[in-house]
Amino acid sequence: MDGLMIGLGITILALAIPAIIRPESLHKESLRNRNRRLEELRNGAPERYFEEQRELEAYRPRFDPSSRTIRALGFVGVTLGVLSLFQGISQ
């Protein structure tokens, strides 16, 4: 038994399973933050940097993956986690 591989597998599984179960919570976070900040600026909050409001209105969030992409990455993570667990147990 290799404790490092078992620990790595458990960690990867713990991080990947929420991406499969609730990808929409990860997907909407960047969009939610953008919309919240845009609303604050429209209500008179000062800009943190030059033309912040124009940038938020003109461009999508920098990292805005779809729920499908997040779920696919979660499945990849689960696969890697299970493989790490099996390799750790078999040694």
C-alpha atoms as a PDB file:
ATOM      1  CA  MET A   1       0.000   0.000   0.000  1.00  0.00           C
ATOM      2  CA  ASP A   2       1.258   3.417  -0.959  1.00  0.00           C
ATOM      3  CA  GLY A   3      -0.180   6.056   1.361  1.00  0.00           C
ATOM      4  CA  LEU A   4       0.755   8.954  -0.921  1.00  0.00           C
ATOM      5  CA  MET A   5      -1.209   7.572  -3.879  1.00  0.00           C
ATOM      6  CA  ILE A   6      -4.182   6.740  -1.668  1.00  0.00           C
ATOM      7  CA  GLY A   7      -4.139  10.261  -0.223  1.00  0.00           C
ATOM      8  CA  LEU A   8      -3.828  11.767  -3.690  1.00  0.00           C
ATOM      9  CA  GLY A   9      -6.734   9.669  -4.960  1.00  0.00           C
ATOM     10  CA  ILE A  10      -8.968  10.669  -2.056  1.00  0.00           C
ATOM     11  CA  THR A  11      -8.087  14.354  -2.534  1.00  0.00           C
ATOM     12  CA  ILE A  12      -8.795  14.264  -6.268  1.00  0.00           C
ATOM     13  CA  LEU A  13     -12.115  12.508  -5.659  1.00  0.00           C
ATOM     14  CA  ALA A  14     -13.088  15.046  -2.997  1.00  0.00           C
ATOM     15  CA  LEU A  15     -12.455  17.885  -5.440  1.00  0.00           C
ATOM     16  CA  ALA A  16     -14.024  16.224  -8.500  1.00  0.00           C
ATOM     17  CA  ILE A  17     -17.301  14.885  -7.086  1.00  0.00           C
ATOM     18  CA  PRO A  18     -18.824  18.336  -6.370  1.00  0.00           C
ATOM     19  CA  ALA A  19     -18.118  19.313  -9.994  1.00  0.00           C
ATOM     20  CA  ILE A  20     -20.265  16.387 -11.124  1.00  0.00           C
ATOM     21  CA  ILE A  21     -23.047  16.839  -8.584  1.00  0.00           C
ATOM     22  CA  ARG A  22     -23.453  20.638  -8.791  1.00  0.00           C
ATOM     23  CA  PRO A  23     -21.622  22.086 -11.807  1.00  0.00           C
ATOM     24  CA  GLU A  24     -24.066  24.992 -12.038  1.00  0.00           C
ATOM     25  CA  SER A  25     -22.817  26.407  -8.737  1.00  0.00           C
ATOM     26  CA  LEU A  26     -19.293  26.618 -10.170  1.00  0.00           C
ATOM     27  CA  HIS A  27     -20.487  27.778 -13.600  1.00  0.00           C
ATOM     28  CA  LYS A  28     -22.617  30.678 -12.408  1.00  0.00           C
ATOM     29  CA  GLU A  29     -20.144  32.021  -9.872  1.00  0.00           C
ATOM     30  CA  SER A  30     -18.166  34.190 -12.292  1.00  0.00           C
ATOM     31  CA  LEU A  31     -21.320  35.452 -14.017  1.00  0.00           C
ATOM     32  CA  ARG A  32     -22.952  36.165 -10.653  1.00  0.00           C
ATOM     33  CA  ASN A  33     -19.927  38.142  -9.450  1.00  0.00           C
ATOM     34  CA  ARG A  34     -19.818  40.133 -12.694  1.00  0.00           C
ATOM     35  CA  ASN A  35     -23.510  41.013 -12.533  1.00  0.00           C
ATOM     36  CA  ARG A  36     -23.283  41.969  -8.858  1.00  0.00           C
ATOM     37  CA  ARG A  37     -20.348  44.297  -9.491  1.00  0.00           C
ATOM     38  CA  LEU A  38     -22.057  45.835 -12.538  1.00  0.00           C
ATOM     39  CA  GLU A  39     -25.150  46.554 -10.457  1.00  0.00           C
ATOM     40  CA  GLU A  40     -22.991  48.183  -7.763  1.00  0.00           C
ATOM     41  CA  LEU A  41     -21.385  50.444 -10.383  1.00  0.00           C
ATOM     42  CA  ARG A  42     -24.769  51.426 -11.816  1.00  0.00           C
ATOM     43  CA  ASN A  43     -25.895  52.363  -8.304  1.00  0.00           C
ATOM     44  CA  GLY A  44     -22.982  54.759  -7.918  1.00  0.00           C
ATOM     45  CA  ALA A  45     -20.118  52.741  -6.443  1.00  0.00           C
ATOM     46  CA  PRO A  46     -16.648  54.034  -7.415  1.00  0.00           C
ATOM     47  CA  GLU A  47     -14.728  52.152 -10.078  1.00  0.00           C
ATOM     48  CA  ARG A  48     -11.720  50.149  -8.838  1.00  0.00           C
ATOM     49  CA  TYR A  49      -9.785  50.861 -12.027  1.00  0.00           C
ATOM     50  CA  PHE A  50     -10.145  52.979 -15.166  1.00  0.00           C
ATOM     51  CA  GLU A  51     -13.241  52.063 -17.231  1.00  0.00           C
ATOM     52  CA  GLU A  52     -14.236  49.083 -15.079  1.00  0.00           C
ATOM     53  CA  GLN A  53     -17.914  49.495 -15.913  1.00  0.00           C
ATOM     54  CA  ARG A  54     -17.271  49.674 -19.657  1.00  0.00           C
ATOM     55  CA  GLU A  55     -15.177  46.502 -19.473  1.00  0.00           C
ATOM     56  CA  LEU A  56     -17.862  44.608 -17.530  1.00  0.00           C
ATOM     57  CA  GLU A  57     -20.550  45.647 -20.014  1.00  0.00           C
ATOM     58  CA  ALA A  58     -18.504  44.870 -23.114  1.00  0.00           C
ATOM     59  CA  TYR A  59     -16.801  41.554 -22.287  1.00  0.00           C
ATOM     60  CA  ARG A  60     -17.772  38.194 -20.865  1.00  0.00           C
ATOM     61  CA  PRO A  61     -16.072  36.993 -17.675  1.00  0.00           C
ATOM     62  CA  ARG A  62     -12.554  35.755 -18.388  1.00  0.00           C
ATOM     63  CA  PHE A  63     -13.215  32.230 -17.137  1.00  0.00           C
ATOM     64  CA  ASP A  64     -16.800  31.193 -17.802  1.00  0.00           C
ATOM     65  CA  PRO A  65     -17.011  27.470 -18.618  1.00  0.00           C
ATOM     66  CA  SER A  66     -20.329  25.764 -19.248  1.00  0.00           C
ATOM     67  CA  SER A  67     -21.883  23.270 -16.824  1.00  0.00           C
ATOM     68  CA  ARG A  68     -21.193  20.525 -19.342  1.00  0.00           C
ATOM     69  CA  THR A  69     -17.474  21.354 -19.405  1.00  0.00           C
ATOM     70  CA  ILE A  70     -17.287  21.439 -15.613  1.00  0.00           C
ATOM     71  CA  ARG A  71     -19.081  18.077 -15.366  1.00  0.00           C
ATOM     72  CA  ALA A  72     -16.720  16.537 -17.961  1.00  0.00           C
ATOM     73  CA  LEU A  73     -13.702  17.772 -15.991  1.00  0.00           C
ATOM     74  CA  GLY A  74     -15.290  16.288 -12.870  1.00  0.00           C
ATOM     75  CA  PHE A  75     -15.533  12.877 -14.560  1.00  0.00           C
ATOM     76  CA  VAL A  76     -11.880  13.128 -15.583  1.00  0.00           C
ATOM     77  CA  GLY A  77     -11.017  13.930 -11.970  1.00  0.00           C
ATOM     78  CA  VAL A  78     -13.014  10.972 -10.663  1.00  0.00           C
ATOM     79  CA  THR A  79     -11.273   8.678 -13.141  1.00  0.00           C
ATOM     80  CA  LEU A  80      -7.842   9.927 -12.064  1.00  0.00           C
ATOM     81  CA  GLY A  81      -8.805   9.657  -8.398  1.00  0.00           C
ATOM     82  CA  VAL A  82     -10.003   6.067  -8.734  1.00  0.00           C
ATOM     83  CA  LEU A  83      -6.891   5.094 -10.694  1.00  0.00           C
ATOM     84  CA  SER A  84      -4.692   6.668  -8.017  1.00  0.00           C
ATOM     85  CA  LEU A  85      -6.570   4.799  -5.294  1.00  0.00           C
ATOM     86  CA  PHE A  86      -6.216   1.461  -7.088  1.00  0.00           C
ATOM     87  CA  GLN A  87      -2.532   2.033  -7.738  1.00  0.00           C
ATOM     88  CA  GLY A  88      -1.978   2.990  -4.104  1.00  0.00           C
ATOM     89  CA  ILE A  89      -3.824  -0.072  -2.842  1.00  0.00           C
ATOM     90  CA  SER A  90      -2.131  -2.497  -5.248  1.00  0.00           C
ATOM     91  CA  GLN A  91       1.434  -1.510  -4.300  1.00  0.00           C
END
